[in-house]
């Protein structure tokens, strides 16, 4: 399944050089990080609402929207899903409480 992340990483990089009229992702790049962060906020609220009271299909759709916009924002910061996957991999075998405490020090 990580292949989908690789494909998305390539698409996100490719869209940096495309016209905003050709691509939704390109239009996000043009509108900038603040706009994309607003989209992330909007999508996170929609996901929460879906989790509370909508079908699994709708929850999955909203989660995909949130992930997608988050990946676009990461790309704007020259980060990718690989960076997040590496961080998650580091956390295997580490208690969530311990990991959180380590972040605070």
N, C-alpha and C. Protein backbone atom coordinates (compact mmCIF):
# COMPACT_ATOMS: atom_id res chain seq x y z
N UNK A 1 0.81 -1.20 0.00
CA UNK A 1 0.00 0.00 0.00
C UNK A 1 0.85 1.27 0.00
N UNK A 2 2.10 1.16 0.44
CA UNK A 2 2.92 2.38 0.44
C UNK A 2 3.20 2.85 -0.98
N UNK A 3 2.96 1.99 -1.98
CA UNK A 3 3.14 2.43 -3.36
C UNK A 3 2.26 3.63 -3.69
N UNK A 4 1.08 3.68 -3.09
CA UNK A 4 0.18 4.81 -3.34
C UNK A 4 0.81 6.10 -2.84
N UNK A 5 1.53 6.03 -1.72
CA UNK A 5 2.22 7.21 -1.22
C UNK A 5 3.31 7.64 -2.19
N UNK A 6 4.04 6.68 -2.73
CA UNK A 6 5.08 7.00 -3.71
C UNK A 6 4.48 7.66 -4.95
N UNK A 7 3.37 7.11 -5.43
CA UNK A 7 2.69 7.71 -6.59
C UNK A 7 2.24 9.13 -6.28
N UNK A 8 1.66 9.31 -5.10
CA UNK A 8 1.22 10.65 -4.71
C UNK A 8 2.40 11.61 -4.59
N UNK A 9 3.51 11.15 -4.02
CA UNK A 9 4.70 12.00 -3.91
C UNK A 9 5.14 12.49 -5.29
N UNK A 10 5.16 11.57 -6.26
CA UNK A 10 5.56 11.94 -7.62
C UNK A 10 4.58 12.92 -8.25
N UNK A 11 3.30 12.68 -8.06
CA UNK A 11 2.29 13.58 -8.61
C UNK A 11 2.40 14.97 -7.98
N UNK A 12 2.56 15.00 -6.67
CA UNK A 12 2.67 16.30 -5.99
C UNK A 12 3.87 17.08 -6.49
N UNK A 13 4.99 16.41 -6.69
CA UNK A 13 6.18 17.10 -7.22
C UNK A 13 5.93 17.58 -8.64
N UNK A 14 5.31 16.74 -9.45
CA UNK A 14 5.02 17.10 -10.84
C UNK A 14 4.11 18.32 -10.93
N UNK A 15 3.14 18.41 -10.04
CA UNK A 15 2.16 19.49 -10.10
C UNK A 15 2.74 20.85 -9.70
N UNK A 16 3.89 20.84 -9.08
CA UNK A 16 4.52 22.12 -8.70
C UNK A 16 4.83 22.96 -9.94
N UNK A 17 5.04 22.30 -11.07
CA UNK A 17 5.41 23.00 -12.31
C UNK A 17 4.25 23.14 -13.28
N UNK A 18 3.06 22.77 -12.88
CA UNK A 18 1.91 22.83 -13.78
C UNK A 18 1.11 24.11 -13.54
N UNK A 19 0.30 24.43 -14.50
CA UNK A 19 -0.57 25.60 -14.40
C UNK A 19 -1.73 25.30 -13.44
N UNK A 20 -2.08 26.26 -12.61
CA UNK A 20 -3.22 26.07 -11.71
C UNK A 20 -4.53 25.77 -12.44
N UNK A 21 -4.62 26.20 -13.68
CA UNK A 21 -5.84 25.90 -14.44
C UNK A 21 -5.89 24.43 -14.88
N UNK A 22 -4.74 23.75 -14.84
CA UNK A 22 -4.65 22.35 -15.25
C UNK A 22 -4.87 21.37 -14.10
N UNK A 23 -4.65 21.84 -12.88
CA UNK A 23 -4.58 20.90 -11.77
C UNK A 23 -5.03 21.54 -10.47
N UNK A 24 -5.86 20.80 -9.73
CA UNK A 24 -6.29 21.27 -8.40
C UNK A 24 -5.08 21.43 -7.49
N UNK A 25 -4.16 20.47 -7.52
CA UNK A 25 -2.96 20.55 -6.68
C UNK A 25 -2.15 21.80 -7.02
N UNK A 26 -1.99 22.06 -8.30
CA UNK A 26 -1.26 23.26 -8.72
C UNK A 26 -1.95 24.53 -8.21
N UNK A 27 -3.27 24.51 -8.19
CA UNK A 27 -3.99 25.68 -7.67
C UNK A 27 -3.76 25.84 -6.17
N UNK A 28 -3.61 24.72 -5.45
CA UNK A 28 -3.28 24.82 -4.03
C UNK A 28 -1.89 25.41 -3.83
N UNK A 29 -0.93 24.96 -4.65
CA UNK A 29 0.42 25.52 -4.56
C UNK A 29 0.38 27.03 -4.80
N UNK A 30 -0.38 27.44 -5.78
CA UNK A 30 -0.46 28.87 -6.09
C UNK A 30 -1.10 29.66 -4.95
N UNK A 31 -2.11 29.09 -4.33
CA UNK A 31 -2.80 29.80 -3.24
C UNK A 31 -1.98 29.82 -1.96
N UNK A 32 -1.04 28.91 -1.83
CA UNK A 32 -0.09 28.95 -0.73
C UNK A 32 -0.43 28.10 0.48
N UNK A 33 0.52 28.12 1.40
CA UNK A 33 0.45 27.28 2.59
C UNK A 33 -0.73 27.65 3.49
N UNK A 34 -0.98 28.93 3.69
CA UNK A 34 -2.09 29.31 4.57
C UNK A 34 -3.41 28.78 4.06
N UNK A 35 -3.64 28.89 2.76
CA UNK A 35 -4.87 28.37 2.18
C UNK A 35 -4.96 26.86 2.37
N UNK A 36 -3.87 26.17 2.12
CA UNK A 36 -3.87 24.71 2.25
C UNK A 36 -4.07 24.31 3.71
N UNK A 37 -3.51 25.05 4.63
CA UNK A 37 -3.75 24.78 6.06
C UNK A 37 -5.22 24.99 6.42
N UNK A 38 -5.84 25.98 5.82
CA UNK A 38 -7.28 26.18 6.03
C UNK A 38 -8.06 24.99 5.50
N UNK A 39 -7.64 24.43 4.36
CA UNK A 39 -8.27 23.24 3.82
C UNK A 39 -8.10 22.05 4.77
N UNK A 40 -6.92 21.93 5.36
CA UNK A 40 -6.67 20.84 6.32
C UNK A 40 -7.61 20.99 7.50
N UNK A 41 -7.76 22.21 7.99
CA UNK A 41 -8.66 22.45 9.11
C UNK A 41 -10.10 22.08 8.73
N UNK A 42 -10.52 22.52 7.57
CA UNK A 42 -11.88 22.21 7.08
C UNK A 42 -12.08 20.70 6.95
N UNK A 43 -11.10 20.03 6.37
CA UNK A 43 -11.22 18.58 6.18
C UNK A 43 -11.20 17.84 7.51
N UNK A 44 -10.43 18.32 8.48
CA UNK A 44 -10.39 17.64 9.77
C UNK A 44 -11.74 17.76 10.49
N UNK A 45 -12.37 18.92 10.38
CA UNK A 45 -13.70 19.10 10.97
C UNK A 45 -14.70 18.18 10.28
N UNK A 46 -14.62 18.10 8.96
CA UNK A 46 -15.53 17.22 8.22
C UNK A 46 -15.32 15.76 8.59
N UNK A 47 -14.07 15.36 8.81
CA UNK A 47 -13.79 13.99 9.22
C UNK A 47 -14.37 13.71 10.61
N UNK A 48 -14.18 14.62 11.52
CA UNK A 48 -14.72 14.44 12.87
C UNK A 48 -16.23 14.29 12.83
N UNK A 49 -16.88 15.14 12.07
CA UNK A 49 -18.34 15.06 11.95
C UNK A 49 -18.77 13.74 11.31
N UNK A 50 -18.04 13.30 10.31
CA UNK A 50 -18.36 12.02 9.67
C UNK A 50 -18.19 10.86 10.64
N UNK A 51 -17.13 10.87 11.41
CA UNK A 51 -16.90 9.81 12.39
C UNK A 51 -18.05 9.75 13.39
N UNK A 52 -18.54 10.91 13.79
CA UNK A 52 -19.60 10.96 14.79
C UNK A 52 -20.94 10.46 14.27
N UNK A 53 -21.24 10.71 12.97
CA UNK A 53 -22.62 10.45 12.59
C UNK A 53 -22.85 10.01 11.15
N UNK A 54 -21.80 9.63 10.42
CA UNK A 54 -22.01 9.24 9.03
C UNK A 54 -21.51 7.83 8.77
N UNK A 55 -21.74 7.37 7.55
CA UNK A 55 -21.39 6.00 7.16
C UNK A 55 -19.88 5.82 7.07
N UNK A 56 -19.46 4.57 7.11
CA UNK A 56 -18.04 4.27 6.96
C UNK A 56 -17.50 4.78 5.63
N UNK A 57 -18.30 4.67 4.58
CA UNK A 57 -17.88 5.16 3.27
C UNK A 57 -17.58 6.66 3.33
N UNK A 58 -18.42 7.41 4.01
CA UNK A 58 -18.21 8.87 4.14
C UNK A 58 -16.99 9.15 5.01
N UNK A 59 -16.80 8.38 6.07
CA UNK A 59 -15.63 8.56 6.94
C UNK A 59 -14.35 8.35 6.14
N UNK A 60 -14.31 7.30 5.35
CA UNK A 60 -13.13 7.01 4.53
C UNK A 60 -12.88 8.14 3.54
N UNK A 61 -13.93 8.64 2.93
CA UNK A 61 -13.79 9.73 1.97
C UNK A 61 -13.22 10.98 2.64
N UNK A 62 -13.73 11.32 3.81
CA UNK A 62 -13.23 12.51 4.51
C UNK A 62 -11.80 12.30 5.01
N UNK A 63 -11.47 11.09 5.45
CA UNK A 63 -10.10 10.80 5.88
C UNK A 63 -9.14 10.93 4.70
N UNK A 64 -9.56 10.46 3.53
CA UNK A 64 -8.73 10.58 2.33
C UNK A 64 -8.52 12.06 1.98
N UNK A 65 -9.56 12.87 2.09
CA UNK A 65 -9.42 14.31 1.83
C UNK A 65 -8.42 14.95 2.79
N UNK A 66 -8.51 14.58 4.07
CA UNK A 66 -7.59 15.14 5.06
C UNK A 66 -6.16 14.71 4.78
N UNK A 67 -5.96 13.43 4.51
CA UNK A 67 -4.62 12.93 4.20
C UNK A 67 -4.06 13.65 2.98
N UNK A 68 -4.90 13.76 1.95
CA UNK A 68 -4.45 14.37 0.71
C UNK A 68 -3.99 15.82 0.92
N UNK A 69 -4.81 16.61 1.57
CA UNK A 69 -4.44 18.01 1.79
C UNK A 69 -3.23 18.13 2.71
N UNK A 70 -3.10 17.21 3.65
CA UNK A 70 -1.91 17.19 4.51
C UNK A 70 -0.66 16.88 3.69
N UNK A 71 -0.76 15.96 2.76
CA UNK A 71 0.39 15.64 1.90
C UNK A 71 0.77 16.82 1.02
N UNK A 72 -0.22 17.56 0.54
CA UNK A 72 0.09 18.76 -0.25
C UNK A 72 0.84 19.77 0.61
N UNK A 73 0.38 19.99 1.84
CA UNK A 73 1.06 20.94 2.74
C UNK A 73 2.48 20.47 3.06
N UNK A 74 2.65 19.17 3.29
CA UNK A 74 3.99 18.64 3.53
C UNK A 74 4.89 18.92 2.33
N UNK A 75 4.35 18.71 1.14
CA UNK A 75 5.11 18.95 -0.08
C UNK A 75 5.53 20.42 -0.17
N UNK A 76 4.67 21.31 0.27
CA UNK A 76 5.01 22.74 0.26
C UNK A 76 6.19 23.04 1.18
N UNK A 77 6.38 22.19 2.18
CA UNK A 77 7.50 22.34 3.11
C UNK A 77 8.67 21.43 2.74
N UNK A 78 8.62 20.89 1.51
CA UNK A 78 9.65 19.97 1.01
C UNK A 78 9.79 18.73 1.87
N UNK A 79 8.65 18.25 2.36
CA UNK A 79 8.56 17.00 3.09
C UNK A 79 7.64 16.08 2.30
N UNK A 80 7.64 14.80 2.66
CA UNK A 80 6.78 13.87 1.95
C UNK A 80 6.23 12.83 2.93
N UNK A 81 5.39 11.98 2.40
CA UNK A 81 4.86 10.89 3.21
C UNK A 81 5.98 10.00 3.73
N UNK A 82 7.09 9.92 3.00
CA UNK A 82 8.23 9.11 3.47
C UNK A 82 8.75 9.61 4.82
N UNK A 83 8.76 10.92 4.99
CA UNK A 83 9.22 11.49 6.26
C UNK A 83 8.29 11.08 7.41
N UNK A 84 7.01 11.08 7.14
CA UNK A 84 6.03 10.71 8.16
C UNK A 84 6.11 9.21 8.44
N UNK A 85 6.23 8.40 7.40
CA UNK A 85 6.33 6.95 7.58
C UNK A 85 7.58 6.59 8.38
N UNK A 86 8.69 7.27 8.12
CA UNK A 86 9.91 7.03 8.89
C UNK A 86 9.71 7.36 10.36
N UNK A 87 9.04 8.47 10.63
CA UNK A 87 8.77 8.85 12.02
C UNK A 87 7.88 7.82 12.70
N UNK A 88 6.85 7.37 12.00
CA UNK A 88 5.96 6.36 12.59
C UNK A 88 6.71 5.05 12.84
N UNK A 89 7.59 4.69 11.92
CA UNK A 89 8.37 3.47 12.09
C UNK A 89 9.25 3.55 13.33
N UNK A 90 9.83 4.72 13.61
CA UNK A 90 10.67 4.91 14.80
C UNK A 90 9.87 4.67 16.08
N UNK A 91 8.58 4.88 16.01
CA UNK A 91 7.74 4.79 17.20
C UNK A 91 7.30 3.37 17.53
N UNK A 92 7.53 2.42 16.62
CA UNK A 92 7.18 1.04 16.92
C UNK A 92 7.97 0.58 18.13
N UNK A 93 7.27 -0.08 19.04
CA UNK A 93 7.92 -0.61 20.24
C UNK A 93 8.14 0.43 21.31
N UNK A 94 7.68 1.65 21.07
CA UNK A 94 7.81 2.72 22.07
C UNK A 94 6.41 3.04 22.57
N UNK A 95 6.27 3.05 23.86
CA UNK A 95 4.98 3.39 24.46
C UNK A 95 4.56 4.79 24.01
N UNK A 96 3.29 4.95 23.73
CA UNK A 96 2.77 6.27 23.36
C UNK A 96 3.03 7.30 24.44
N UNK A 97 2.94 6.89 25.70
CA UNK A 97 3.23 7.82 26.80
C UNK A 97 4.70 8.22 26.80
N UNK A 98 5.56 7.22 26.58
CA UNK A 98 7.00 7.49 26.54
C UNK A 98 7.35 8.41 25.38
N UNK A 99 6.77 8.14 24.20
CA UNK A 99 7.04 8.96 23.02
C UNK A 99 6.61 10.39 23.26
N UNK A 100 5.45 10.57 23.86
CA UNK A 100 4.95 11.93 24.14
C UNK A 100 5.85 12.63 25.15
N UNK A 101 6.28 11.93 26.17
CA UNK A 101 7.19 12.52 27.16
C UNK A 101 8.51 12.93 26.53
N UNK A 102 9.01 12.10 25.60
CA UNK A 102 10.27 12.42 24.92
C UNK A 102 10.16 13.68 24.06
N UNK A 103 8.97 13.94 23.53
CA UNK A 103 8.77 15.16 22.72
C UNK A 103 8.83 16.40 23.58
N UNK A 104 8.46 16.28 24.85
CA UNK A 104 8.40 17.44 25.74
C UNK A 104 9.76 17.80 26.33
N UNK A 105 10.76 16.94 26.10
CA UNK A 105 12.07 17.24 26.70
C UNK A 105 13.03 17.74 25.66
